[in-house]
């Protein structure tokens, strides 16, 4: 079944206008969602608005939006006032500049959409896709739609165009905010790490080789519930020994993992190699006792409720 476009637009490429359609590149429906039910009788719960001051139930028509500028102090906006602030939805994808595709950090990436040519735009669409691909460039553009202005990136992929919605600069935290310990690394450790990387390198990225194990288990559990079967907890994972010496950890990793692409590497199916602790053992120092292994916290199932 062919995907349905969710929006239309027009790429402004110099004096050339390219009509396009937007198709979501990912499927949110692929995620598993649960409804909130009353544990007593299984009835589905409904969301209600309750005033924190008087305790009364408030209908949606009696609400206004407010911005908290100080603790418990708000400025309010009516729907008409907010509408006046909206961007005019011109549906134009206005290219501002071209940049090397490799220079755009993926940390800015948000949603992605496949672009397809609309009526009369096939040739110009193909021209822009081929030109971007051969130049190794991507186009930074502004896209006005649904009352908002989006910062987007047009990039070529296999002779087609992808519209990548981007975060604005003030929405991305810099890595300088994250503290990093100034630890010295030996040349021998770097060489072993390079060998480990080379040994685990594949010719291409194969996303189909990595399935969502939690989703698979959840779907299987749902099916067993539907069939009236009992669900049993999975056995606890065996504790992994911790190796204090970083060199020994790298050597053990090289010995434990075969080279990539030989058909033996699955999607995270092999037992992990021992890992080094934060501090390497100093010469002549006795290694500390092994710490008890901590189990990872349980993942919470996603829940959704109808507003």
C-alpha atoms as a PDB file:
ATOM      1  CA  UNK A   1       0.000   0.000   0.000  1.00  0.00           C
ATOM      2  CA  UNK A   2       1.456   3.332  -1.090  1.00  0.00           C
ATOM      3  CA  UNK A   3       2.009   5.859   1.713  1.00  0.00           C
ATOM      4  CA  UNK A   4      -0.213   8.907   1.917  1.00  0.00           C
ATOM      5  CA  UNK A   5       1.273  12.381   1.838  1.00  0.00           C
ATOM      6  CA  UNK A   6       0.630  14.502   4.900  1.00  0.00           C
ATOM      7  CA  UNK A   7       1.403  17.910   3.397  1.00  0.00           C
ATOM      8  CA  UNK A   8       2.427  19.724   0.240  1.00  0.00           C
ATOM      9  CA  UNK A   9       5.063  22.335  -0.410  1.00  0.00           C
ATOM     10  CA  UNK A  10       6.990  24.210  -3.040  1.00  0.00           C
ATOM     11  CA  UNK A  11      10.789  24.261  -3.048  1.00  0.00           C
ATOM     12  CA  UNK A  12      12.143  27.657  -4.052  1.00  0.00           C
ATOM     13  CA  UNK A  13      15.406  26.894  -5.904  1.00  0.00           C
ATOM     14  CA  UNK A  14      16.600  30.177  -7.405  1.00  0.00           C
ATOM     15  CA  UNK A  15      13.978  31.074  -9.990  1.00  0.00           C
ATOM     16  CA  UNK A  16      12.803  27.463 -10.161  1.00  0.00           C
ATOM     17  CA  UNK A  17       9.772  26.300  -8.176  1.00  0.00           C
ATOM     18  CA  UNK A  18       9.449  22.592  -7.462  1.00  0.00           C
ATOM     19  CA  UNK A  19       6.051  21.357  -6.200  1.00  0.00           C
ATOM     20  CA  UNK A  20       6.479  18.453  -3.765  1.00  0.00           C
ATOM     21  CA  UNK A  21       4.547  16.246  -1.396  1.00  0.00           C
ATOM     22  CA  UNK A  22       5.724  15.262   2.101  1.00  0.00           C
ATOM     23  CA  UNK A  23       5.607  11.661   3.294  1.00  0.00           C
ATOM     24  CA  UNK A  24       6.566  10.710   6.875  1.00  0.00           C
ATOM     25  CA  UNK A  25       9.844   8.771   6.869  1.00  0.00           C
ATOM     26  CA  UNK A  26       9.081   6.966  10.135  1.00  0.00           C
ATOM     27  CA  UNK A  27       6.054   5.126  11.490  1.00  0.00           C
ATOM     28  CA  UNK A  28       4.884   6.199  14.924  1.00  0.00           C
ATOM     29  CA  UNK A  29       2.176   3.537  14.662  1.00  0.00           C
ATOM     30  CA  UNK A  30       4.914   0.914  14.880  1.00  0.00           C
ATOM     31  CA  UNK A  31       5.218   1.671  18.600  1.00  0.00           C
ATOM     32  CA  UNK A  32       3.108  -0.271  21.093  1.00  0.00           C
ATOM     33  CA  UNK A  33       0.741   1.836  23.167  1.00  0.00           C
ATOM     34  CA  UNK A  34      -1.451   0.964  26.131  1.00  0.00           C
ATOM     35  CA  UNK A  35      -4.685   2.552  27.278  1.00  0.00           C
ATOM     36  CA  UNK A  36      -5.270   3.552  30.895  1.00  0.00           C
ATOM     37  CA  UNK A  37      -8.031   1.431  32.459  1.00  0.00           C
ATOM     38  CA  UNK A  38      -9.787   1.324  35.818  1.00  0.00           C
ATOM     39  CA  UNK A  39      -8.195  -1.584  37.704  1.00  0.00           C
ATOM     40  CA  UNK A  40     -11.518  -2.312  39.443  1.00  0.00           C
ATOM     41  CA  UNK A  41     -13.756  -2.927  36.422  1.00  0.00           C
ATOM     42  CA  UNK A  42     -11.531  -2.502  33.339  1.00  0.00           C
ATOM     43  CA  UNK A  43     -13.303   0.628  32.126  1.00  0.00           C
ATOM     44  CA  UNK A  44     -11.268   3.004  29.987  1.00  0.00           C
ATOM     45  CA  UNK A  45     -10.337   6.228  31.752  1.00  0.00           C
ATOM     46  CA  UNK A  46     -11.049   9.684  30.343  1.00  0.00           C
ATOM     47  CA  UNK A  47      -8.978  12.792  30.888  1.00  0.00           C
ATOM     48  CA  UNK A  48     -10.593  15.723  32.653  1.00  0.00           C
ATOM     49  CA  UNK A  49      -9.479  19.259  33.509  1.00  0.00           C
ATOM     50  CA  UNK A  50      -9.857  20.168  37.192  1.00  0.00           C
ATOM     51  CA  UNK A  51      -9.154  23.647  38.565  1.00  0.00           C
ATOM     52  CA  UNK A  52      -6.416  23.633  41.205  1.00  0.00           C
ATOM     53  CA  UNK A  53      -8.075  26.537  43.078  1.00  0.00           C
ATOM     54  CA  UNK A  54     -11.784  25.705  43.263  1.00  0.00           C
ATOM     55  CA  UNK A  55     -11.622  22.014  42.416  1.00  0.00           C
ATOM     56  CA  UNK A  56     -14.317  22.299  39.762  1.00  0.00           C
ATOM     57  CA  UNK A  57     -14.309  20.314  36.532  1.00  0.00           C
ATOM     58  CA  UNK A  58     -13.515  22.674  33.619  1.00  0.00           C
ATOM     59  CA  UNK A  59     -14.715  22.159  30.058  1.00  0.00           C
ATOM     60  CA  UNK A  60     -12.268  22.779  27.218  1.00  0.00           C
ATOM     61  CA  UNK A  61     -14.262  25.782  25.966  1.00  0.00           C
ATOM     62  CA  UNK A  62     -13.700  27.486  29.336  1.00  0.00           C
ATOM     63  CA  UNK A  63      -9.898  27.298  29.188  1.00  0.00           C
ATOM     64  CA  UNK A  64      -7.281  29.852  28.161  1.00  0.00           C
ATOM     65  CA  UNK A  65      -3.556  29.395  27.706  1.00  0.00           C
ATOM     66  CA  UNK A  66      -1.153  31.032  30.131  1.00  0.00           C
ATOM     67  CA  UNK A  67       2.599  31.544  30.315  1.00  0.00           C
ATOM     68  CA  UNK A  68       4.176  31.344  33.784  1.00  0.00           C
ATOM     69  CA  UNK A  69       6.679  34.224  33.961  1.00  0.00           C
ATOM     70  CA  UNK A  70       7.093  33.931  37.746  1.00  0.00           C
ATOM     71  CA  UNK A  71       6.107  31.298  40.295  1.00  0.00           C
ATOM     72  CA  UNK A  72       2.289  30.998  40.135  1.00  0.00           C
ATOM     73  CA  UNK A  73       2.008  34.192  38.046  1.00  0.00           C
ATOM     74  CA  UNK A  74       0.731  33.949  34.473  1.00  0.00           C
ATOM     75  CA  UNK A  75       0.006  36.098  31.450  1.00  0.00           C
ATOM     76  CA  UNK A  76      -2.916  34.676  29.477  1.00  0.00           C
ATOM     77  CA  UNK A  77      -3.606  34.508  25.757  1.00  0.00           C
ATOM     78  CA  UNK A  78      -6.875  33.909  23.966  1.00  0.00           C
ATOM     79  CA  UNK A  79      -7.086  31.673  20.914  1.00  0.00           C
ATOM     80  CA  UNK A  80      -7.438  34.784  18.715  1.00  0.00           C
ATOM     81  CA  UNK A  81      -4.302  36.376  20.167  1.00  0.00           C
ATOM     82  CA  UNK A  82      -2.260  33.225  19.557  1.00  0.00           C
ATOM     83  CA  UNK A  83      -3.658  32.916  16.045  1.00  0.00           C
ATOM     84  CA  UNK A  84      -2.365  36.397  15.250  1.00  0.00           C
ATOM     85  CA  UNK A  85       1.162  35.234  16.126  1.00  0.00           C
ATOM     86  CA  UNK A  86       1.084  32.277  13.748  1.00  0.00           C
ATOM     87  CA  UNK A  87       3.266  32.224  10.668  1.00  0.00           C
ATOM     88  CA  UNK A  88       1.391  32.511   7.392  1.00  0.00           C
ATOM     89  CA  UNK A  89       1.288  29.001   5.966  1.00  0.00           C
ATOM     90  CA  UNK A  90       2.748  29.690   2.534  1.00  0.00           C
ATOM     91  CA  UNK A  91       3.887  26.037   2.188  1.00  0.00           C
ATOM     92  CA  UNK A  92       7.067  27.391   0.594  1.00  0.00           C
ATOM     93  CA  UNK A  93      10.356  25.609   1.308  1.00  0.00           C
ATOM     94  CA  UNK A  94      12.625  28.608   0.843  1.00  0.00           C
ATOM     95  CA  UNK A  95      16.293  27.604   0.380  1.00  0.00           C
ATOM     96  CA  UNK A  96      18.584  30.028   2.231  1.00  0.00           C
ATOM     97  CA  UNK A  97      21.999  28.450   1.552  1.00  0.00           C
ATOM     98  CA  UNK A  98      23.877  25.288   0.648  1.00  0.00           C
ATOM     99  CA  UNK A  99      26.332  23.636   3.047  1.00  0.00           C
ATOM    100  CA  UNK A 100      28.488  20.494   2.941  1.00  0.00           C
ATOM    101  CA  UNK A 101      26.186  17.641   3.928  1.00  0.00           C
ATOM    102  CA  UNK A 102      28.826  16.233   6.277  1.00  0.00           C
ATOM    103  CA  UNK A 103      28.990  19.504   8.224  1.00  0.00           C
ATOM    104  CA  UNK A 104      25.473  19.239   9.649  1.00  0.00           C
ATOM    105  CA  UNK A 105      25.683  17.509  13.021  1.00  0.00           C
ATOM    106  CA  UNK A 106      22.950  14.827  13.348  1.00  0.00           C
ATOM    107  CA  UNK A 107      22.291  16.152  16.851  1.00  0.00           C
ATOM    108  CA  UNK A 108      20.211  18.860  15.113  1.00  0.00           C
ATOM    109  CA  UNK A 109      18.026  16.262  13.360  1.00  0.00           C
ATOM    110  CA  UNK A 110      14.402  15.986  14.416  1.00  0.00           C
ATOM    111  CA  UNK A 111      11.718  14.530  12.151  1.00  0.00           C
ATOM    112  CA  UNK A 112      12.363  13.326   8.614  1.00  0.00           C
ATOM    113  CA  UNK A 113      10.075  13.320   5.585  1.00  0.00           C
ATOM    114  CA  UNK A 114      10.495  11.786   2.160  1.00  0.00           C
ATOM    115  CA  UNK A 115       9.785  14.283  -0.582  1.00  0.00           C
ATOM    116  CA  UNK A 116       8.055  13.233  -3.771  1.00  0.00           C
ATOM    117  CA  UNK A 117       7.430  15.420  -6.821  1.00  0.00           C
ATOM    118  CA  UNK A 118       3.933  16.793  -7.242  1.00  0.00           C
ATOM    119  CA  UNK A 119       2.286  17.326 -10.613  1.00  0.00           C
ATOM    120  CA  UNK A 120       4.609  19.013 -13.080  1.00  0.00           C
ATOM    121  CA  UNK A 121       7.639  18.934 -10.789  1.00  0.00           C
ATOM    122  CA  UNK A 122       9.265  15.630 -11.769  1.00  0.00           C
ATOM    123  CA  UNK A 123      12.124  16.978 -13.889  1.00  0.00           C
ATOM    124  CA  UNK A 124      13.089  19.851 -11.567  1.00  0.00           C
ATOM    125  CA  UNK A 125      12.875  17.501  -8.568  1.00  0.00           C
ATOM    126  CA  UNK A 126      15.228  15.030 -10.245  1.00  0.00           C
ATOM    127  CA  UNK A 127      17.618  17.844 -11.191  1.00  0.00           C
ATOM    128  CA  UNK A 128      17.921  19.165  -7.634  1.00  0.00           C
ATOM    129  CA  UNK A 129      18.383  15.665  -6.175  1.00  0.00           C
ATOM    130  CA  UNK A 130      21.161  14.760  -8.616  1.00  0.00           C
ATOM    131  CA  UNK A 131      22.890  18.150  -8.223  1.00  0.00           C
ATOM    132  CA  UNK A 132      22.903  17.943  -4.409  1.00  0.00           C
ATOM    133  CA  UNK A 133      24.173  14.372  -4.487  1.00  0.00           C
ATOM    134  CA  UNK A 134      27.000  15.076  -6.914  1.00  0.00           C
ATOM    135  CA  UNK A 135      28.027  18.254  -5.081  1.00  0.00           C
ATOM    136  CA  UNK A 136      27.924  16.589  -1.670  1.00  0.00           C
ATOM    137  CA  UNK A 137      25.848  19.503  -0.436  1.00  0.00           C
ATOM    138  CA  UNK A 138      22.601  19.942   1.479  1.00  0.00           C
ATOM    139  CA  UNK A 139      20.206  22.874   1.369  1.00  0.00           C
ATOM    140  CA  UNK A 140      19.265  24.784   4.525  1.00  0.00           C
ATOM    141  CA  UNK A 141      15.752  26.164   4.162  1.00  0.00           C
ATOM    142  CA  UNK A 142      12.754  27.610   5.982  1.00  0.00           C
ATOM    143  CA  UNK A 143       9.373  25.917   5.698  1.00  0.00           C
ATOM    144  CA  UNK A 144       6.214  27.758   6.752  1.00  0.00           C
ATOM    145  CA  UNK A 145       3.339  25.392   7.547  1.00  0.00           C
ATOM    146  CA  UNK A 146       0.620  24.850  10.181  1.00  0.00           C
ATOM    147  CA  UNK A 147       1.191  28.290  11.630  1.00  0.00           C
ATOM    148  CA  UNK A 148       4.878  27.664  12.325  1.00  0.00           C
ATOM    149  CA  UNK A 149       8.186  28.281  10.612  1.00  0.00           C
ATOM    150  CA  UNK A 150      10.441  25.219  10.550  1.00  0.00           C
ATOM    151  CA  UNK A 151      14.170  25.088  10.000  1.00  0.00           C
ATOM    152  CA  UNK A 152      14.768  22.217   7.579  1.00  0.00           C
ATOM    153  CA  UNK A 153      17.527  20.537   5.642  1.00  0.00           C
ATOM    154  CA  UNK A 154      17.059  19.194   2.116  1.00  0.00           C
ATOM    155  CA  UNK A 155      19.436  16.333   1.411  1.00  0.00           C
ATOM    156  CA  UNK A 156      19.745  13.842  -1.419  1.00  0.00           C
ATOM    157  CA  UNK A 157      19.544  10.124  -0.768  1.00  0.00           C
ATOM    158  CA  UNK A 158      19.633   7.598  -3.585  1.00  0.00           C
ATOM    159  CA  UNK A 159      18.431  10.073  -6.205  1.00  0.00           C
ATOM    160  CA  UNK A 160      15.573  11.267  -4.000  1.00  0.00           C
ATOM    161  CA  UNK A 161      15.083  14.178  -1.630  1.00  0.00           C
ATOM    162  CA  UNK A 162      14.644  14.007   2.132  1.00  0.00           C
ATOM    163  CA  UNK A 163      13.362  16.933   4.184  1.00  0.00           C
ATOM    164  CA  UNK A 164      14.985  16.800   7.607  1.00  0.00           C
ATOM    165  CA  UNK A 165      13.364  18.978  10.234  1.00  0.00           C
ATOM    166  CA  UNK A 166      16.053  20.569  12.391  1.00  0.00           C
ATOM    167  CA  UNK A 167      16.251  21.861  15.930  1.00  0.00           C
ATOM    168  CA  UNK A 168      17.094  25.536  16.249  1.00  0.00           C
ATOM    169  CA  UNK A 169      20.436  26.435  17.814  1.00  0.00           C
ATOM    170  CA  UNK A 170      18.875  27.445  21.148  1.00  0.00           C
ATOM    171  CA  UNK A 171      17.245  24.008  21.430  1.00  0.00           C
ATOM    172  CA  UNK A 172      20.527  22.082  21.336  1.00  0.00           C
ATOM    173  CA  UNK A 173      22.828  21.873  24.327  1.00  0.00           C
ATOM    174  CA  UNK A 174      26.547  22.137  23.728  1.00  0.00           C
ATOM    175  CA  UNK A 175      28.860  19.308  24.718  1.00  0.00           C
ATOM    176  CA  UNK A 176      30.892  21.794  26.774  1.00  0.00           C
ATOM    177  CA  UNK A 177      28.186  21.594  29.451  1.00  0.00           C
ATOM    178  CA  UNK A 178      29.072  17.944  30.113  1.00  0.00           C
ATOM    179  CA  UNK A 179      32.042  17.429  32.488  1.00  0.00           C
ATOM    180  CA  UNK A 180      34.726  15.023  31.223  1.00  0.00           C
ATOM    181  CA  UNK A 181      37.566  13.687  33.331  1.00  0.00           C
ATOM    182  CA  UNK A 182      41.010  14.555  31.964  1.00  0.00           C
ATOM    183  CA  UNK A 183      42.373  11.011  31.884  1.00  0.00           C
ATOM    184  CA  UNK A 184      45.557  10.063  30.062  1.00  0.00           C
ATOM    185  CA  UNK A 185      45.383   7.349  27.385  1.00  0.00           C
ATOM    186  CA  UNK A 186      48.378   5.241  26.409  1.00  0.00           C
ATOM    187  CA  UNK A 187      49.361   4.653  22.768  1.00  0.00           C
ATOM    188  CA  UNK A 188      49.041   0.898  23.223  1.00  0.00           C
ATOM    189  CA  UNK A 189      45.465   1.314  24.422  1.00  0.00           C
ATOM    190  CA  UNK A 190      44.630   3.457  21.398  1.00  0.00           C
ATOM    191  CA  UNK A 191      46.078   0.850  19.029  1.00  0.00           C
ATOM    192  CA  UNK A 192      44.061  -1.941  20.653  1.00  0.00           C
ATOM    193  CA  UNK A 193      40.921   0.204  20.461  1.00  0.00           C
ATOM    194  CA  UNK A 194      41.593   0.819  16.742  1.00  0.00           C
ATOM    195  CA  UNK A 195      41.982  -2.926  16.197  1.00  0.00           C
ATOM    196  CA  UNK A 196      38.677  -3.546  17.972  1.00  0.00           C
ATOM    197  CA  UNK A 197      36.945  -0.946  15.794  1.00  0.00           C
ATOM    198  CA  UNK A 198      38.453  -2.387  12.612  1.00  0.00           C
ATOM    199  CA  UNK A 199      37.487  -5.905  13.649  1.00  0.00           C
ATOM    200  CA  UNK A 200      33.891  -4.870  14.219  1.00  0.00           C
ATOM    201  CA  UNK A 201      33.547  -2.725  11.082  1.00  0.00           C
ATOM    202  CA  UNK A 202      30.946  -3.639   8.452  1.00  0.00           C
ATOM    203  CA  UNK A 203      30.892  -2.431   4.870  1.00  0.00           C
ATOM    204  CA  UNK A 204      27.502  -0.749   5.350  1.00  0.00           C
ATOM    205  CA  UNK A 205      24.881  -0.005   7.960  1.00  0.00           C
ATOM    206  CA  UNK A 206      22.241  -2.774   8.096  1.00  0.00           C
ATOM    207  CA  UNK A 207      19.363  -1.548  10.288  1.00  0.00           C
ATOM    208  CA  UNK A 208      17.282  -4.611   9.437  1.00  0.00           C
ATOM    209  CA  UNK A 209      19.769  -6.728  11.407  1.00  0.00           C
ATOM    210  CA  UNK A 210      18.798  -5.024  14.666  1.00  0.00           C
ATOM    211  CA  UNK A 211      15.270  -5.702  15.860  1.00  0.00           C
ATOM    212  CA  UNK A 212      13.478  -4.126  18.803  1.00  0.00           C
ATOM    213  CA  UNK A 213      13.766  -6.951  21.345  1.00  0.00           C
ATOM    214  CA  UNK A 214      11.507  -5.238  23.913  1.00  0.00           C
ATOM    215  CA  UNK A 215       8.781  -4.661  21.318  1.00  0.00           C
ATOM    216  CA  UNK A 216       9.020  -8.294  20.199  1.00  0.00           C
ATOM    217  CA  UNK A 217       8.728  -9.588  23.773  1.00  0.00           C
ATOM    218  CA  UNK A 218       5.823  -7.237  24.470  1.00  0.00           C
ATOM    219  CA  UNK A 219       3.900  -8.354  21.367  1.00  0.00           C
ATOM    220  CA  UNK A 220       4.483 -11.986  22.294  1.00  0.00           C
ATOM    221  CA  UNK A 221       3.272 -11.297  25.845  1.00  0.00           C
ATOM    222  CA  UNK A 222       0.152  -9.551  24.506  1.00  0.00           C
ATOM    223  CA  UNK A 223      -0.603 -12.537  22.284  1.00  0.00           C
ATOM    224  CA  UNK A 224      -0.185 -14.929  25.208  1.00  0.00           C
ATOM    225  CA  UNK A 225      -2.537 -12.756  27.274  1.00  0.00           C
ATOM    226  CA  UNK A 226      -5.097 -12.835  24.445  1.00  0.00           C
ATOM    227  CA  UNK A 227      -4.791 -16.621  24.343  1.00  0.00           C
ATOM    228  CA  UNK A 228      -5.239 -16.798  28.121  1.00  0.00           C
ATOM    229  CA  UNK A 229      -1.716 -18.022  28.844  1.00  0.00           C
ATOM    230  CA  UNK A 230       0.310 -17.100  31.907  1.00  0.00           C
ATOM    231  CA  UNK A 231       3.250 -14.722  31.557  1.00  0.00           C
ATOM    232  CA  UNK A 232       6.434 -15.687  33.357  1.00  0.00           C
ATOM    233  CA  UNK A 233       9.318 -13.370  34.155  1.00  0.00           C
ATOM    234  CA  UNK A 234      12.505 -13.881  32.150  1.00  0.00           C
ATOM    235  CA  UNK A 235      15.458 -15.397  34.056  1.00  0.00           C
ATOM    236  CA  UNK A 236      17.954 -12.939  35.494  1.00  0.00           C
ATOM    237  CA  UNK A 237      21.082 -12.283  33.445  1.00  0.00           C
ATOM    238  CA  UNK A 238      24.330 -13.816  34.623  1.00  0.00           C
ATOM    239  CA  UNK A 239      26.583 -11.301  36.423  1.00  0.00           C
ATOM    240  CA  UNK A 240      29.525 -10.141  34.332  1.00  0.00           C
ATOM    241  CA  UNK A 241      33.001 -10.011  35.795  1.00  0.00           C
ATOM    242  CA  UNK A 242      34.655  -6.591  35.786  1.00  0.00           C
ATOM    243  CA  UNK A 243      38.217  -6.268  34.565  1.00  0.00           C
ATOM    244  CA  UNK A 244      40.182  -3.490  36.167  1.00  0.00           C
ATOM    245  CA  UNK A 245      43.022  -3.252  33.642  1.00  0.00           C
ATOM    246  CA  UNK A 246      41.978  -1.375  30.483  1.00  0.00           C
ATOM    247  CA  UNK A 247      44.538  -3.160  28.296  1.00  0.00           C
ATOM    248  CA  UNK A 248      43.249  -6.552  29.439  1.00  0.00           C
ATOM    249  CA  UNK A 249      39.661  -5.465  28.734  1.00  0.00           C
ATOM    250  CA  UNK A 250      40.573  -4.452  25.168  1.00  0.00           C
ATOM    251  CA  UNK A 251      42.469  -7.691  24.569  1.00  0.00           C
ATOM    252  CA  UNK A 252      39.553  -9.726  25.904  1.00  0.00           C
ATOM    253  CA  UNK A 253      37.169  -7.804  23.626  1.00  0.00           C
ATOM    254  CA  UNK A 254      39.315  -8.564  20.572  1.00  0.00           C
ATOM    255  CA  UNK A 255      39.399 -12.242  21.469  1.00  0.00           C
ATOM    256  CA  UNK A 256      35.675 -12.483  22.204  1.00  0.00           C
ATOM    257  CA  UNK A 257      34.266 -10.848  19.054  1.00  0.00           C
ATOM    258  CA  UNK A 258      34.858 -12.251  15.549  1.00  0.00           C
ATOM    259  CA  UNK A 259      35.352  -9.923  12.615  1.00  0.00           C
ATOM    260  CA  UNK A 260      32.244  -8.194  11.283  1.00  0.00           C
ATOM    261  CA  UNK A 261      30.660  -9.501   8.110  1.00  0.00           C
ATOM    262  CA  UNK A 262      31.621 -13.143   8.624  1.00  0.00           C
ATOM    263  CA  UNK A 263      28.029 -14.167   9.243  1.00  0.00           C
ATOM    264  CA  UNK A 264      28.506 -14.847  12.939  1.00  0.00           C
ATOM    265  CA  UNK A 265      27.706 -11.398  14.271  1.00  0.00           C
ATOM    266  CA  UNK A 266      24.029 -11.025  15.071  1.00  0.00           C
ATOM    267  CA  UNK A 267      21.999  -8.218  16.445  1.00  0.00           C
ATOM    268  CA  UNK A 268      23.466  -7.952  19.924  1.00  0.00           C
ATOM    269  CA  UNK A 269      23.233 -11.723  20.442  1.00  0.00           C
ATOM    270  CA  UNK A 270      26.744 -12.359  21.705  1.00  0.00           C
ATOM    271  CA  UNK A 271      27.657 -12.053  25.367  1.00  0.00           C
ATOM    272  CA  UNK A 272      29.357  -8.737  26.078  1.00  0.00           C
ATOM    273  CA  UNK A 273      33.065  -8.766  26.713  1.00  0.00           C
ATOM    274  CA  UNK A 274      34.366  -7.687  30.146  1.00  0.00           C
ATOM    275  CA  UNK A 275      34.522  -3.953  30.516  1.00  0.00           C
ATOM    276  CA  UNK A 276      37.008  -1.749  32.303  1.00  0.00           C
ATOM    277  CA  UNK A 277      36.075   0.311  35.329  1.00  0.00           C
ATOM    278  CA  UNK A 278      36.398   4.073  35.414  1.00  0.00           C
ATOM    279  CA  UNK A 279      39.858   3.970  37.019  1.00  0.00           C
ATOM    280  CA  UNK A 280      42.645   1.738  35.677  1.00  0.00           C
ATOM    281  CA  UNK A 281      44.723  -0.261  38.134  1.00  0.00           C
ATOM    282  CA  UNK A 282      48.038   1.326  39.037  1.00  0.00           C
ATOM    283  CA  UNK A 283      51.275  -0.739  38.875  1.00  0.00           C
ATOM    284  CA  UNK A 284      51.814  -2.690  42.119  1.00  0.00           C
ATOM    285  CA  UNK A 285      48.343  -1.948  43.370  1.00  0.00           C
ATOM    286  CA  UNK A 286      46.109  -4.830  44.426  1.00  0.00           C
ATOM    287  CA  UNK A 287      42.822  -4.925  42.490  1.00  0.00           C
ATOM    288  CA  UNK A 288      39.733  -4.171  44.581  1.00  0.00           C
ATOM    289  CA  UNK A 289      37.022  -6.724  45.193  1.00  0.00           C
ATOM    290  CA  UNK A 290      34.371  -7.144  42.558  1.00  0.00           C
ATOM    291  CA  UNK A 291      31.326  -5.033  43.138  1.00  0.00           C
ATOM    292  CA  UNK A 292      27.912  -6.702  43.015  1.00  0.00           C
ATOM    293  CA  UNK A 293      26.299  -6.414  39.611  1.00  0.00           C
ATOM    294  CA  UNK A 294      23.338  -4.099  39.403  1.00  0.00           C
ATOM    295  CA  UNK A 295      20.395  -4.969  37.285  1.00  0.00           C
ATOM    296  CA  UNK A 296      19.145  -2.304  34.879  1.00  0.00           C
ATOM    297  CA  UNK A 297      15.852  -0.671  35.817  1.00  0.00           C
ATOM    298  CA  UNK A 298      12.741  -2.012  34.145  1.00  0.00           C
ATOM    299  CA  UNK A 299      11.597  -0.103  31.110  1.00  0.00           C
ATOM    300  CA  UNK A 300       8.252   1.497  31.415  1.00  0.00           C
ATOM    301  CA  UNK A 301       5.622   0.593  28.894  1.00  0.00           C
ATOM    302  CA  UNK A 302       4.336   3.519  26.935  1.00  0.00           C
ATOM    303  CA  UNK A 303       0.831   4.595  27.805  1.00  0.00           C
ATOM    304  CA  UNK A 304      -1.622   6.703  25.895  1.00  0.00           C
ATOM    305  CA  UNK A 305      -4.985   8.083  26.832  1.00  0.00           C
ATOM    306  CA  UNK A 306      -7.590   9.747  24.715  1.00  0.00           C
ATOM    307  CA  UNK A 307      -7.857  13.411  25.477  1.00  0.00           C
END
